Amino acid sequence: MGRFVLLRALIAVPLVLAVSAITFLLTHIVPGDPARVLAGLNASEEAVQRIREQAGLDQPLLTQFGLYLERLVRGDLGDSLTNAQPVLVNLVDALPATIELTVASLVVALALGIPLGVLAATRRGGVFDHLGRVLSLAGVAVPVFWVGIVLVVVFYAQLGWLPSEGQGGGIDRITGFASLDAILRGDGAGFLDVLHHLVLPATTLALPTLARIMRTTRASMLEALAEPYVATARAKGVPEFRVVYVHALRNAMMPVVTVTGLAFGYLLGGSVLVEKIFKWPGVGRYAYDAITVLDYNSVMGVTLVATVAFLVVNLLVDVLHAALDPKVRLS
C-alpha cells in the first residue's frame, strides 16, 4: 500500500507541473491587461505601469513562470492582484465553504441516485425505468446555471421557502465549515440555518451527478442481476430484498465508486457558476472573480488546488476499489 501511494505521488508531480504550465500559458495569452483592469479605465499610463511593475507583469513570460515555480516550491502561491493578500490565505479561507457544498451535493446525489438506479434496474422496461432514463438524460443535458436560476425563481422569488444567497450560520468562524462551526458552538438554530442555505446550491450542483450515478447504478445492477449467483440465491429462497440490496448491489458498486470519484472533480469545477449564482463564499466564486479581472496568481492557485484535490480523490477511489474487491491488486 505504501509503495502504491508513493508511486502515485511521484506520478502526480509532473502532472501538476504540466497543468501549472498550461494554465500559466493560457492565462497569459488571453487578451487583456490585468494592470489596466485594476487601475481603472481612467487611470494614467504611469499608474498602470506602476501596477504592472509591482505585480511583475513587465518581465518576460518565461521569467515570470520561473519565478512562479520558485515560489511554488516554497509553498508560496503569490499575492492576489485584487486584494494584495496571499493567494494561499484566500484559498484557505474559501476552501471550507466549497468542500461543504461539494460534500452536501455528493450526499444528495448518492442518497437519491443509487436507490433510483436500483429501482430502475429491478423494474426494467416499466414506467419507472423509462421515466428514470428521461430524467437522468435531462439531468446531464440541462445546464447547471439554468437549473440554479429556475430554483431561485421558484423557491425563493415565488414561494419564499428557501434563501437564495449566502452560507448562513452566523458570523463566528472556527473551522470555516459553517455547519461544523454551528455544532461546535452548540447553536442548533444556526445549524438549521446552514442546512437551509445549503438546499438550493447543493441540489443544483448535485443534479448532473445524480443523473450519472443513477444511470451507472442501473446499468451495473442489470449486469449483476443477470449473474448466476443471483439465480442461485433466488432458487434457495433468499428474500428478494436481500438478493437485490446485499448480493447484487455490493457487486454492482465498483463502477458507481469510480463515477463518484470522477464526480468529485466535476463538482469542484462545476461549483464556479453555482457559487456565483448563490453568492456562496467558496473557491468557485473566488475563481470566477479572479478570472473576470485577470488575476493570474489566483487563477493559478485555484487550478493547482483543484488538480491536487482531484488526484487525491482518485487515489482514494483506487484504495476503495481494493476494499470492495479483493481481486484488485494495488501493486
C-alpha atoms as a PDB file:
ATOM      1  CA  MET A   1       0.000   0.000   0.000  1.00  0.00           C
ATOM      2  CA  GLY A   2       2.749   2.444   0.948  1.00  0.00           C
ATOM      3  CA  ARG A   3       4.635   1.721  -2.265  1.00  0.00           C
ATOM      4  CA  PHE A   4       1.489   2.291  -4.308  1.00  0.00           C
ATOM      5  CA  VAL A   5       0.767   5.647  -2.654  1.00  0.00           C
ATOM      6  CA  LEU A   6       4.396   6.737  -3.128  1.00  0.00           C
ATOM      7  CA  LEU A   7       4.298   5.774  -6.810  1.00  0.00           C
ATOM      8  CA  ARG A   8       1.093   7.727  -7.359  1.00  0.00           C
ATOM      9  CA  ALA A   9       2.609  10.747  -5.591  1.00  0.00           C
ATOM     10  CA  LEU A  10       5.675  10.625  -7.854  1.00  0.00           C
ATOM     11  CA  ILE A  11       3.468  10.402 -10.941  1.00  0.00           C
ATOM     12  CA  ALA A  12       1.420  13.352  -9.684  1.00  0.00           C
ATOM     13  CA  VAL A  13       4.418  15.715  -9.582  1.00  0.00           C
ATOM     14  CA  PRO A  14       4.966  16.025 -13.368  1.00  0.00           C
ATOM     15  CA  LEU A  15       1.208  16.113 -13.879  1.00  0.00           C
ATOM     16  CA  VAL A  16       0.842  19.067 -11.510  1.00  0.00           C
ATOM     17  CA  LEU A  17       3.755  20.822 -13.227  1.00  0.00           C
ATOM     18  CA  ALA A  18       2.194  20.238 -16.648  1.00  0.00           C
ATOM     19  CA  VAL A  19      -1.179  21.587 -15.514  1.00  0.00           C
ATOM     20  CA  SER A  20       0.550  24.606 -13.969  1.00  0.00           C
ATOM     21  CA  ALA A  21       2.467  25.326 -17.176  1.00  0.00           C
ATOM     22  CA  ILE A  22      -0.617  25.012 -19.389  1.00  0.00           C
ATOM     23  CA  THR A  23      -2.723  27.172 -17.063  1.00  0.00           C
ATOM     24  CA  PHE A  24       0.045  29.775 -16.832  1.00  0.00           C
ATOM     25  CA  LEU A  25       0.321  29.946 -20.616  1.00  0.00           C
ATOM     26  CA  LEU A  26      -3.433  30.147 -21.177  1.00  0.00           C
ATOM     27  CA  THR A  27      -3.969  32.873 -18.590  1.00  0.00           C
ATOM     28  CA  HIS A  28      -1.194  34.991 -20.063  1.00  0.00           C
ATOM     29  CA  ILE A  29      -2.177  34.687 -23.727  1.00  0.00           C
ATOM     30  CA  VAL A  30      -5.784  35.672 -23.073  1.00  0.00           C
ATOM     31  CA  PRO A  31      -6.384  39.200 -24.425  1.00  0.00           C
ATOM     32  CA  GLY A  32      -6.457  41.829 -21.703  1.00  0.00           C
ATOM     33  CA  ASP A  33      -4.225  43.661 -19.277  1.00  0.00           C
ATOM     34  CA  PRO A  34      -4.831  42.941 -15.566  1.00  0.00           C
ATOM     35  CA  ALA A  35      -2.901  46.068 -14.626  1.00  0.00           C
ATOM     36  CA  ARG A  36      -5.301  48.168 -16.698  1.00  0.00           C
ATOM     37  CA  VAL A  37      -8.300  46.385 -15.161  1.00  0.00           C
ATOM     38  CA  LEU A  38      -7.053  47.009 -11.618  1.00  0.00           C
ATOM     39  CA  ALA A  39      -6.072  50.611 -12.288  1.00  0.00           C
ATOM     40  CA  GLY A  40      -9.375  51.503 -13.914  1.00  0.00           C
ATOM     41  CA  LEU A  41     -10.249  52.799 -17.350  1.00  0.00           C
ATOM     42  CA  ASN A  42      -9.443  56.403 -16.459  1.00  0.00           C
ATOM     43  CA  ALA A  43      -6.050  55.686 -14.859  1.00  0.00           C
ATOM     44  CA  SER A  44      -2.926  57.266 -16.299  1.00  0.00           C
ATOM     45  CA  GLU A  45      -0.355  55.200 -18.154  1.00  0.00           C
ATOM     46  CA  GLU A  46       2.105  55.841 -15.308  1.00  0.00           C
ATOM     47  CA  ALA A  47      -0.300  54.323 -12.775  1.00  0.00           C
ATOM     48  CA  VAL A  48      -0.881  51.297 -14.985  1.00  0.00           C
ATOM     49  CA  GLN A  49       2.858  50.805 -15.472  1.00  0.00           C
ATOM     50  CA  ARG A  50       3.442  51.078 -11.725  1.00  0.00           C
ATOM     51  CA  ILE A  51       0.913  48.312 -11.051  1.00  0.00           C
ATOM     52  CA  ARG A  52       2.444  46.225 -13.825  1.00  0.00           C
ATOM     53  CA  GLU A  53       5.907  46.535 -12.252  1.00  0.00           C
ATOM     54  CA  GLN A  54       4.645  45.805  -8.737  1.00  0.00           C
ATOM     55  CA  ALA A  55       2.968  42.609  -9.958  1.00  0.00           C
ATOM     56  CA  GLY A  56       5.974  41.576 -12.054  1.00  0.00           C
ATOM     57  CA  LEU A  57       3.909  41.648 -15.239  1.00  0.00           C
ATOM     58  CA  ASP A  58       6.551  43.674 -17.090  1.00  0.00           C
ATOM     59  CA  GLN A  59       9.013  40.761 -17.118  1.00  0.00           C
ATOM     60  CA  PRO A  60       9.337  38.159 -19.923  1.00  0.00           C
ATOM     61  CA  LEU A  61       6.816  35.330 -19.781  1.00  0.00           C
ATOM     62  CA  LEU A  62       9.456  32.645 -19.199  1.00  0.00           C
ATOM     63  CA  THR A  63      10.938  34.649 -16.340  1.00  0.00           C
ATOM     64  CA  GLN A  64       7.518  35.044 -14.747  1.00  0.00           C
ATOM     65  CA  PHE A  65       6.924  31.285 -14.935  1.00  0.00           C
ATOM     66  CA  GLY A  66      10.343  30.550 -13.459  1.00  0.00           C
ATOM     67  CA  LEU A  67       9.653  32.883 -10.543  1.00  0.00           C
ATOM     68  CA  TYR A  68       6.255  31.248 -10.071  1.00  0.00           C
ATOM     69  CA  LEU A  69       7.809  27.761  -9.867  1.00  0.00           C
ATOM     70  CA  GLU A  70      10.431  29.050  -7.445  1.00  0.00           C
ATOM     71  CA  ARG A  71       7.708  30.413  -5.162  1.00  0.00           C
ATOM     72  CA  LEU A  72       5.657  27.247  -5.603  1.00  0.00           C
ATOM     73  CA  VAL A  73       8.487  25.090  -4.244  1.00  0.00           C
ATOM     74  CA  ARG A  74       8.430  27.258  -1.119  1.00  0.00           C
ATOM     75  CA  GLY A  75       4.665  26.865  -0.802  1.00  0.00           C
ATOM     76  CA  ASP A  76       4.061  30.443  -1.931  1.00  0.00           C
ATOM     77  CA  LEU A  77       1.284  30.882  -4.495  1.00  0.00           C
ATOM     78  CA  GLY A  78       1.923  34.605  -4.790  1.00  0.00           C
ATOM     79  CA  ASP A  79      -0.324  37.523  -3.895  1.00  0.00           C
ATOM     80  CA  SER A  80      -3.741  38.223  -5.329  1.00  0.00           C
ATOM     81  CA  LEU A  81      -3.759  41.167  -7.710  1.00  0.00           C
ATOM     82  CA  THR A  82      -7.174  42.260  -6.438  1.00  0.00           C
ATOM     83  CA  ASN A  83      -6.776  42.367  -2.644  1.00  0.00           C
ATOM     84  CA  ALA A  84      -2.965  42.083  -2.261  1.00  0.00           C
ATOM     85  CA  GLN A  85      -3.476  39.148   0.116  1.00  0.00           C
ATOM     86  CA  PRO A  86      -1.538  35.882  -0.287  1.00  0.00           C
ATOM     87  CA  VAL A  87      -3.456  33.562  -2.607  1.00  0.00           C
ATOM     88  CA  LEU A  88      -2.886  30.684  -0.188  1.00  0.00           C
ATOM     89  CA  VAL A  89      -4.611  32.635   2.593  1.00  0.00           C
ATOM     90  CA  ASN A  90      -7.554  33.424   0.316  1.00  0.00           C
ATOM     91  CA  LEU A  91      -7.866  29.766  -0.691  1.00  0.00           C
ATOM     92  CA  VAL A  92      -7.671  28.530   2.898  1.00  0.00           C
ATOM     93  CA  ASP A  93     -10.486  30.931   3.786  1.00  0.00           C
ATOM     94  CA  ALA A  94     -12.653  29.886   0.829  1.00  0.00           C
ATOM     95  CA  LEU A  95     -11.931  26.148   0.603  1.00  0.00           C
ATOM     96  CA  PRO A  96     -14.063  25.001   3.592  1.00  0.00           C
ATOM     97  CA  ALA A  97     -17.204  26.505   2.054  1.00  0.00           C
ATOM     98  CA  THR A  98     -16.564  24.730  -1.255  1.00  0.00           C
ATOM     99  CA  ILE A  99     -15.824  21.406   0.453  1.00  0.00           C
ATOM    100  CA  GLU A 100     -19.020  21.759   2.479  1.00  0.00           C
ATOM    101  CA  LEU A 101     -21.066  22.444  -0.649  1.00  0.00           C
ATOM    102  CA  THR A 102     -19.365  19.643  -2.599  1.00  0.00           C
ATOM    103  CA  VAL A 103     -19.892  17.064   0.157  1.00  0.00           C
ATOM    104  CA  ALA A 104     -23.537  18.094   0.560  1.00  0.00           C
ATOM    105  CA  SER A 105     -24.069  17.767  -3.199  1.00  0.00           C
ATOM    106  CA  LEU A 106     -22.384  14.371  -3.259  1.00  0.00           C
ATOM    107  CA  VAL A 107     -24.532  13.158  -0.358  1.00  0.00           C
ATOM    108  CA  VAL A 108     -27.680  14.247  -2.207  1.00  0.00           C
ATOM    109  CA  ALA A 109     -26.513  12.598  -5.439  1.00  0.00           C
ATOM    110  CA  LEU A 110     -25.630   9.295  -3.746  1.00  0.00           C
ATOM    111  CA  ALA A 111     -28.664   9.205  -1.458  1.00  0.00           C
ATOM    112  CA  LEU A 112     -31.017   9.596  -4.423  1.00  0.00           C
ATOM    113  CA  GLY A 113     -29.024   8.259  -7.369  1.00  0.00           C
ATOM    114  CA  ILE A 114     -28.251   4.772  -6.031  1.00  0.00           C
ATOM    115  CA  PRO A 115     -31.801   3.889  -4.846  1.00  0.00           C
ATOM    116  CA  LEU A 116     -33.335   5.295  -8.036  1.00  0.00           C
ATOM    117  CA  GLY A 117     -30.866   3.330 -10.152  1.00  0.00           C
ATOM    118  CA  VAL A 118     -31.658   0.126  -8.256  1.00  0.00           C
ATOM    119  CA  LEU A 119     -35.402   0.681  -8.663  1.00  0.00           C
ATOM    120  CA  ALA A 120     -34.990   1.308 -12.388  1.00  0.00           C
ATOM    121  CA  ALA A 121     -32.985  -1.914 -12.776  1.00  0.00           C
ATOM    122  CA  THR A 122     -35.432  -4.057 -10.797  1.00  0.00           C
ATOM    123  CA  ARG A 123     -38.326  -2.641 -12.829  1.00  0.00           C
ATOM    124  CA  ARG A 124     -36.642  -2.837 -16.209  1.00  0.00           C
ATOM    125  CA  GLY A 125     -38.919  -1.844 -19.069  1.00  0.00           C
ATOM    126  CA  GLY A 126     -41.547  -0.428 -16.741  1.00  0.00           C
ATOM    127  CA  VAL A 127     -42.896   3.087 -16.388  1.00  0.00           C
ATOM    128  CA  PHE A 128     -40.425   3.978 -13.641  1.00  0.00           C
ATOM    129  CA  ASP A 129     -37.499   2.720 -15.735  1.00  0.00           C
ATOM    130  CA  HIS A 130     -38.500   4.828 -18.750  1.00  0.00           C
ATOM    131  CA  LEU A 131     -39.175   7.874 -16.574  1.00  0.00           C
ATOM    132  CA  GLY A 132     -35.839   7.432 -14.823  1.00  0.00           C
ATOM    133  CA  ARG A 133     -33.956   7.306 -18.119  1.00  0.00           C
ATOM    134  CA  VAL A 134     -35.635  10.504 -19.303  1.00  0.00           C
ATOM    135  CA  LEU A 135     -34.850  12.287 -16.040  1.00  0.00           C
ATOM    136  CA  SER A 136     -31.245  11.073 -15.994  1.00  0.00           C
ATOM    137  CA  LEU A 137     -30.744  12.283 -19.567  1.00  0.00           C
ATOM    138  CA  ALA A 138     -32.247  15.660 -18.676  1.00  0.00           C
ATOM    139  CA  GLY A 139     -30.030  15.902 -15.599  1.00  0.00           C
ATOM    140  CA  VAL A 140     -26.919  15.548 -17.743  1.00  0.00           C
ATOM    141  CA  ALA A 141     -28.111  17.729 -20.633  1.00  0.00           C
ATOM    142  CA  VAL A 142     -29.618  20.739 -18.826  1.00  0.00           C
ATOM    143  CA  PRO A 143     -27.039  23.447 -17.936  1.00  0.00           C
ATOM    144  CA  VAL A 144     -26.440  23.706 -14.204  1.00  0.00           C
ATOM    145  CA  PHE A 145     -26.707  27.513 -14.189  1.00  0.00           C
ATOM    146  CA  TRP A 146     -30.178  27.293 -15.759  1.00  0.00           C
ATOM    147  CA  VAL A 147     -31.288  24.844 -13.059  1.00  0.00           C
ATOM    148  CA  GLY A 148     -29.956  27.193 -10.386  1.00  0.00           C
ATOM    149  CA  ILE A 149     -31.802  30.198 -11.797  1.00  0.00           C
ATOM    150  CA  VAL A 150     -35.063  28.224 -12.050  1.00  0.00           C
ATOM    151  CA  LEU A 151     -34.759  27.017  -8.445  1.00  0.00           C
ATOM    152  CA  VAL A 152     -34.108  30.570  -7.231  1.00  0.00           C
ATOM    153  CA  VAL A 153     -37.132  31.906  -9.129  1.00  0.00           C
ATOM    154  CA  VAL A 154     -39.433  29.157  -7.841  1.00  0.00           C
ATOM    155  CA  PHE A 155     -38.333  28.509  -4.261  1.00  0.00           C
ATOM    156  CA  TYR A 156     -37.079  31.989  -3.337  1.00  0.00           C
ATOM    157  CA  ALA A 157     -38.785  34.601  -5.505  1.00  0.00           C
ATOM    158  CA  GLN A 158     -42.180  32.908  -5.896  1.00  0.00           C
ATOM    159  CA  LEU A 159     -42.656  30.666  -2.853  1.00  0.00           C
ATOM    160  CA  GLY A 160     -40.219  32.282  -0.419  1.00  0.00           C
ATOM    161  CA  TRP A 161     -39.373  28.904   1.131  1.00  0.00           C
ATOM    162  CA  LEU A 162     -35.583  28.946   0.846  1.00  0.00           C
ATOM    163  CA  PRO A 163     -32.827  31.597   0.913  1.00  0.00           C
ATOM    164  CA  SER A 164     -31.068  32.288  -2.360  1.00  0.00           C
ATOM    165  CA  GLU A 165     -27.649  33.501  -1.265  1.00  0.00           C
ATOM    166  CA  GLY A 166     -25.001  33.237   1.415  1.00  0.00           C
ATOM    167  CA  GLN A 167     -23.905  30.475   3.749  1.00  0.00           C
ATOM    168  CA  GLY A 168     -25.889  31.264   6.887  1.00  0.00           C
ATOM    169  CA  GLY A 169     -24.980  30.038  10.345  1.00  0.00           C
ATOM    170  CA  GLY A 170     -23.874  33.317  11.899  1.00  0.00           C
ATOM    171  CA  ILE A 171     -20.528  35.092  11.721  1.00  0.00           C
ATOM    172  CA  ASP A 172     -18.429  33.263  14.334  1.00  0.00           C
ATOM    173  CA  ARG A 173     -15.754  31.415  12.352  1.00  0.00           C
ATOM    174  CA  ILE A 174     -13.969  28.482  13.989  1.00  0.00           C
ATOM    175  CA  THR A 175     -13.086  25.953  11.292  1.00  0.00           C
ATOM    176  CA  GLY A 176     -14.589  27.676   8.244  1.00  0.00           C
ATOM    177  CA  PHE A 177     -17.154  24.894   7.818  1.00  0.00           C
ATOM    178  CA  ALA A 178     -20.382  26.694   8.693  1.00  0.00           C
ATOM    179  CA  SER A 179     -22.293  23.567   9.728  1.00  0.00           C
ATOM    180  CA  LEU A 180     -19.425  22.268  11.875  1.00  0.00           C
ATOM    181  CA  ASP A 181     -18.914  25.697  13.444  1.00  0.00           C
ATOM    182  CA  ALA A 182     -22.586  25.811  14.405  1.00  0.00           C
ATOM    183  CA  ILE A 183     -22.268  22.377  16.036  1.00  0.00           C
ATOM    184  CA  LEU A 184     -19.121  23.395  17.920  1.00  0.00           C
ATOM    185  CA  ARG A 185     -20.911  26.495  19.203  1.00  0.00           C
ATOM    186  CA  GLY A 186     -23.883  24.382  20.249  1.00  0.00           C
ATOM    187  CA  ASP A 187     -26.051  26.546  18.013  1.00  0.00           C
ATOM    188  CA  GLY A 188     -28.922  24.357  16.816  1.00  0.00           C
ATOM    189  CA  ALA A 189     -30.710  27.236  15.129  1.00  0.00           C
ATOM    190  CA  GLY A 190     -27.514  28.207  13.320  1.00  0.00           C
ATOM    191  CA  PHE A 191     -27.005  24.626  12.122  1.00  0.00           C
ATOM    192  CA  LEU A 192     -30.522  24.504  10.704  1.00  0.00           C
ATOM    193  CA  ASP A 193     -29.913  27.876   9.067  1.00  0.00           C
ATOM    194  CA  VAL A 194     -26.806  26.474   7.337  1.00  0.00           C
ATOM    195  CA  LEU A 195     -28.780  23.472   6.078  1.00  0.00           C
ATOM    196  CA  HIS A 196     -31.492  25.860   4.916  1.00  0.00           C
ATOM    197  CA  HIS A 197     -28.945  27.835   2.887  1.00  0.00           C
ATOM    198  CA  LEU A 198     -27.392  24.628   1.507  1.00  0.00           C
ATOM    199  CA  VAL A 199     -30.562  23.210  -0.036  1.00  0.00           C
ATOM    200  CA  LEU A 200     -30.706  25.219  -3.273  1.00  0.00           C
ATOM    201  CA  PRO A 201     -26.986  25.305  -4.208  1.00  0.00           C
ATOM    202  CA  ALA A 202     -26.402  21.677  -3.171  1.00  0.00           C
ATOM    203  CA  THR A 203     -29.426  20.482  -5.144  1.00  0.00           C
ATOM    204  CA  THR A 204     -28.399  22.496  -8.200  1.00  0.00           C
ATOM    205  CA  LEU A 205     -24.853  21.156  -8.120  1.00  0.00           C
ATOM    206  CA  ALA A 206     -25.990  17.589  -7.391  1.00  0.00           C
ATOM    207  CA  LEU A 207     -28.436  17.087 -10.278  1.00  0.00           C
ATOM    208  CA  PRO A 208     -25.942  16.215 -13.079  1.00  0.00           C
ATOM    209  CA  THR A 209     -24.001  13.922 -10.735  1.00  0.00           C
ATOM    210  CA  LEU A 210     -27.221  12.331  -9.512  1.00  0.00           C
ATOM    211  CA  ALA A 211     -28.151  11.552 -13.116  1.00  0.00           C
ATOM    212  CA  ARG A 212     -24.775   9.926 -13.836  1.00  0.00           C
ATOM    213  CA  ILE A 213     -24.861   7.860 -10.645  1.00  0.00           C
ATOM    214  CA  MET A 214     -28.414   6.736 -11.381  1.00  0.00           C
ATOM    215  CA  ARG A 215     -27.539   5.636 -14.928  1.00  0.00           C
ATOM    216  CA  THR A 216     -24.373   3.861 -13.793  1.00  0.00           C
ATOM    217  CA  THR A 217     -26.169   2.101 -10.939  1.00  0.00           C
ATOM    218  CA  ARG A 218     -28.933   0.927 -13.260  1.00  0.00           C
ATOM    219  CA  ALA A 219     -26.519  -0.474 -15.854  1.00  0.00           C
ATOM    220  CA  SER A 220     -24.314  -2.122 -13.246  1.00  0.00           C
ATOM    221  CA  MET A 221     -27.287  -3.620 -11.396  1.00  0.00           C
ATOM    222  CA  LEU A 222     -28.688  -5.100 -14.616  1.00  0.00           C
ATOM    223  CA  GLU A 223     -25.388  -6.916 -15.135  1.00  0.00           C
ATOM    224  CA  ALA A 224     -25.261  -8.086 -11.514  1.00  0.00           C
ATOM    225  CA  LEU A 225     -28.855  -9.341 -11.521  1.00  0.00           C
ATOM    226  CA  ALA A 226     -28.072 -11.476 -14.586  1.00  0.00           C
ATOM    227  CA  GLU A 227     -25.229 -13.302 -12.815  1.00  0.00           C
ATOM    228  CA  PRO A 228     -25.636 -16.998 -11.854  1.00  0.00           C
ATOM    229  CA  TYR A 229     -25.161 -16.345  -8.120  1.00  0.00           C
ATOM    230  CA  VAL A 230     -28.322 -14.205  -8.126  1.00  0.00           C
ATOM    231  CA  ALA A 231     -30.332 -17.016  -9.706  1.00  0.00           C
ATOM    232  CA  THR A 232     -28.855 -19.428  -7.153  1.00  0.00           C
ATOM    233  CA  ALA A 233     -29.805 -17.160  -4.252  1.00  0.00           C
ATOM    234  CA  ARG A 234     -33.357 -16.867  -5.535  1.00  0.00           C
ATOM    235  CA  ALA A 235     -33.575 -20.643  -6.020  1.00  0.00           C
ATOM    236  CA  LYS A 236     -32.543 -21.126  -2.399  1.00  0.00           C
ATOM    237  CA  GLY A 237     -35.421 -18.920  -1.277  1.00  0.00           C
ATOM    238  CA  VAL A 238     -33.377 -15.883  -0.245  1.00  0.00           C
ATOM    239  CA  PRO A 239     -35.722 -12.881   0.174  1.00  0.00           C
ATOM    240  CA  GLU A 240     -35.757 -10.613  -2.893  1.00  0.00           C
ATOM    241  CA  PHE A 241     -34.755  -7.574  -0.831  1.00  0.00           C
ATOM    242  CA  ARG A 242     -31.619  -9.378   0.345  1.00  0.00           C
ATOM    243  CA  VAL A 243     -30.860 -10.646  -3.164  1.00  0.00           C
ATOM    244  CA  VAL A 244     -31.034  -7.134  -4.600  1.00  0.00           C
ATOM    245  CA  TYR A 245     -29.544  -4.962  -1.863  1.00  0.00           C
ATOM    246  CA  VAL A 246     -26.982  -7.363  -0.380  1.00  0.00           C
ATOM    247  CA  HIS A 247     -25.818  -9.772  -3.080  1.00  0.00           C
ATOM    248  CA  ALA A 248     -26.328  -7.795  -6.298  1.00  0.00           C
ATOM    249  CA  LEU A 249     -25.786  -4.220  -5.124  1.00  0.00           C
ATOM    250  CA  ARG A 250     -22.467  -4.956  -3.409  1.00  0.00           C
ATOM    251  CA  ASN A 251     -21.036  -6.390  -6.617  1.00  0.00           C
ATOM    252  CA  ALA A 252     -22.525  -3.569  -8.674  1.00  0.00           C
ATOM    253  CA  MET A 253     -20.855  -0.822  -6.643  1.00  0.00           C
ATOM    254  CA  MET A 254     -17.442  -0.816  -8.339  1.00  0.00           C
ATOM    255  CA  PRO A 255     -18.483   1.329 -11.349  1.00  0.00           C
ATOM    256  CA  VAL A 256     -20.513   3.561  -9.013  1.00  0.00           C
ATOM    257  CA  VAL A 257     -17.434   4.190  -6.858  1.00  0.00           C
ATOM    258  CA  THR A 258     -15.447   5.146  -9.962  1.00  0.00           C
ATOM    259  CA  VAL A 259     -18.145   7.539 -11.169  1.00  0.00           C
ATOM    260  CA  THR A 260     -18.388   9.048  -7.684  1.00  0.00           C
ATOM    261  CA  GLY A 261     -14.658   9.740  -7.609  1.00  0.00           C
ATOM    262  CA  LEU A 262     -14.776  11.397 -11.016  1.00  0.00           C
ATOM    263  CA  ALA A 263     -17.888  13.297  -9.940  1.00  0.00           C
ATOM    264  CA  PHE A 264     -15.971  14.907  -7.097  1.00  0.00           C
ATOM    265  CA  GLY A 265     -13.720  16.585  -9.632  1.00  0.00           C
ATOM    266  CA  TYR A 266     -16.761  17.676 -11.625  1.00  0.00           C
ATOM    267  CA  LEU A 267     -18.393  19.115  -8.510  1.00  0.00           C
ATOM    268  CA  LEU A 268     -15.288  21.154  -7.718  1.00  0.00           C
ATOM    269  CA  GLY A 269     -15.250  22.533 -11.263  1.00  0.00           C
ATOM    270  CA  GLY A 270     -18.999  22.955 -11.521  1.00  0.00           C
ATOM    271  CA  SER A 271     -19.115  24.906  -8.291  1.00  0.00           C
ATOM    272  CA  VAL A 272     -17.818  28.028 -10.072  1.00  0.00           C
ATOM    273  CA  LEU A 273     -21.157  29.007 -11.627  1.00  0.00           C
ATOM    274  CA  VAL A 274     -23.239  27.626  -8.759  1.00  0.00           C
ATOM    275  CA  GLU A 275     -21.300  29.579  -6.145  1.00  0.00           C
ATOM    276  CA  LYS A 276     -21.606  32.735  -8.221  1.00  0.00           C
ATOM    277  CA  ILE A 277     -25.372  32.323  -8.650  1.00  0.00           C
ATOM    278  CA  PHE A 278     -25.975  31.689  -4.947  1.00  0.00           C
ATOM    279  CA  LYS A 279     -23.198  34.021  -3.713  1.00  0.00           C
ATOM    280  CA  TRP A 280     -21.597  31.102  -1.900  1.00  0.00           C
ATOM    281  CA  PRO A 281     -18.256  32.248  -0.376  1.00  0.00           C
ATOM    282  CA  GLY A 282     -16.139  29.403  -1.755  1.00  0.00           C
ATOM    283  CA  VAL A 283     -13.289  28.729  -4.141  1.00  0.00           C
ATOM    284  CA  GLY A 284     -15.618  28.691  -7.151  1.00  0.00           C
ATOM    285  CA  ARG A 285     -16.796  32.230  -6.562  1.00  0.00           C
ATOM    286  CA  TYR A 286     -13.217  33.281  -5.812  1.00  0.00           C
ATOM    287  CA  ALA A 287     -12.124  31.756  -9.132  1.00  0.00           C
ATOM    288  CA  TYR A 288     -14.926  33.500 -11.037  1.00  0.00           C
ATOM    289  CA  ASP A 289     -13.991  36.880  -9.588  1.00  0.00           C
ATOM    290  CA  ALA A 290     -10.304  36.234 -10.326  1.00  0.00           C
ATOM    291  CA  ILE A 291     -10.997  35.319 -13.949  1.00  0.00           C
ATOM    292  CA  THR A 292     -13.070  38.453 -14.568  1.00  0.00           C
ATOM    293  CA  VAL A 293     -10.168  40.721 -13.543  1.00  0.00           C
ATOM    294  CA  LEU A 294      -7.386  38.506 -14.985  1.00  0.00           C
ATOM    295  CA  ASP A 295      -5.929  37.817 -11.533  1.00  0.00           C
ATOM    296  CA  TYR A 296      -3.266  35.385 -12.752  1.00  0.00           C
ATOM    297  CA  ASN A 297      -1.973  34.272  -9.359  1.00  0.00           C
ATOM    298  CA  SER A 298      -5.433  33.495  -8.032  1.00  0.00           C
ATOM    299  CA  VAL A 299      -6.418  31.544 -11.159  1.00  0.00           C
ATOM    300  CA  MET A 300      -3.187  29.546 -10.950  1.00  0.00           C
ATOM    301  CA  GLY A 301      -3.770  28.849  -7.265  1.00  0.00           C
ATOM    302  CA  VAL A 302      -7.326  27.632  -7.811  1.00  0.00           C
ATOM    303  CA  THR A 303      -6.223  25.378 -10.685  1.00  0.00           C
ATOM    304  CA  LEU A 304      -3.423  23.902  -8.597  1.00  0.00           C
ATOM    305  CA  VAL A 305      -5.704  23.173  -5.644  1.00  0.00           C
ATOM    306  CA  ALA A 306      -8.341  21.597  -7.899  1.00  0.00           C
ATOM    307  CA  THR A 307      -5.711  19.405  -9.592  1.00  0.00           C
ATOM    308  CA  VAL A 308      -4.270  18.167  -6.300  1.00  0.00           C
ATOM    309  CA  ALA A 309      -7.761  17.527  -4.911  1.00  0.00           C
ATOM    310  CA  PHE A 310      -8.708  15.514  -7.996  1.00  0.00           C
ATOM    311  CA  LEU A 311      -5.537  13.407  -7.743  1.00  0.00           C
ATOM    312  CA  VAL A 312      -6.110  12.719  -4.047  1.00  0.00           C
ATOM    313  CA  VAL A 313      -9.723  11.701  -4.636  1.00  0.00           C
ATOM    314  CA  ASN A 314      -8.713   9.326  -7.434  1.00  0.00           C
ATOM    315  CA  LEU A 315      -6.136   7.755  -5.133  1.00  0.00           C
ATOM    316  CA  LEU A 316      -8.823   7.217  -2.500  1.00  0.00           C
ATOM    317  CA  VAL A 317     -11.078   5.670  -5.158  1.00  0.00           C
ATOM    318  CA  ASP A 318      -8.352   3.158  -6.071  1.00  0.00           C
ATOM    319  CA  VAL A 319      -7.903   2.232  -2.410  1.00  0.00           C
ATOM    320  CA  LEU A 320     -11.662   1.843  -2.011  1.00  0.00           C
ATOM    321  CA  HIS A 321     -11.713  -0.415  -5.067  1.00  0.00           C
ATOM    322  CA  ALA A 322      -9.296  -2.713  -3.279  1.00  0.00           C
ATOM    323  CA  ALA A 323     -11.503  -2.717  -0.188  1.00  0.00           C
ATOM    324  CA  LEU A 324     -14.589  -3.650  -2.216  1.00  0.00           C
ATOM    325  CA  ASP A 325     -12.877  -6.172  -4.486  1.00  0.00           C
ATOM    326  CA  PRO A 326     -10.045  -8.313  -3.045  1.00  0.00           C
ATOM    327  CA  LYS A 327      -9.061  -9.262  -6.608  1.00  0.00           C
ATOM    328  CA  VAL A 328      -7.819  -5.731  -7.241  1.00  0.00           C
ATOM    329  CA  ARG A 329      -4.031  -5.680  -6.813  1.00  0.00           C
ATOM    330  CA  LEU A 330      -2.695  -2.286  -5.796  1.00  0.00           C
ATOM    331  CA  SER A 331       0.798  -3.334  -6.790  1.00  0.00           C
END
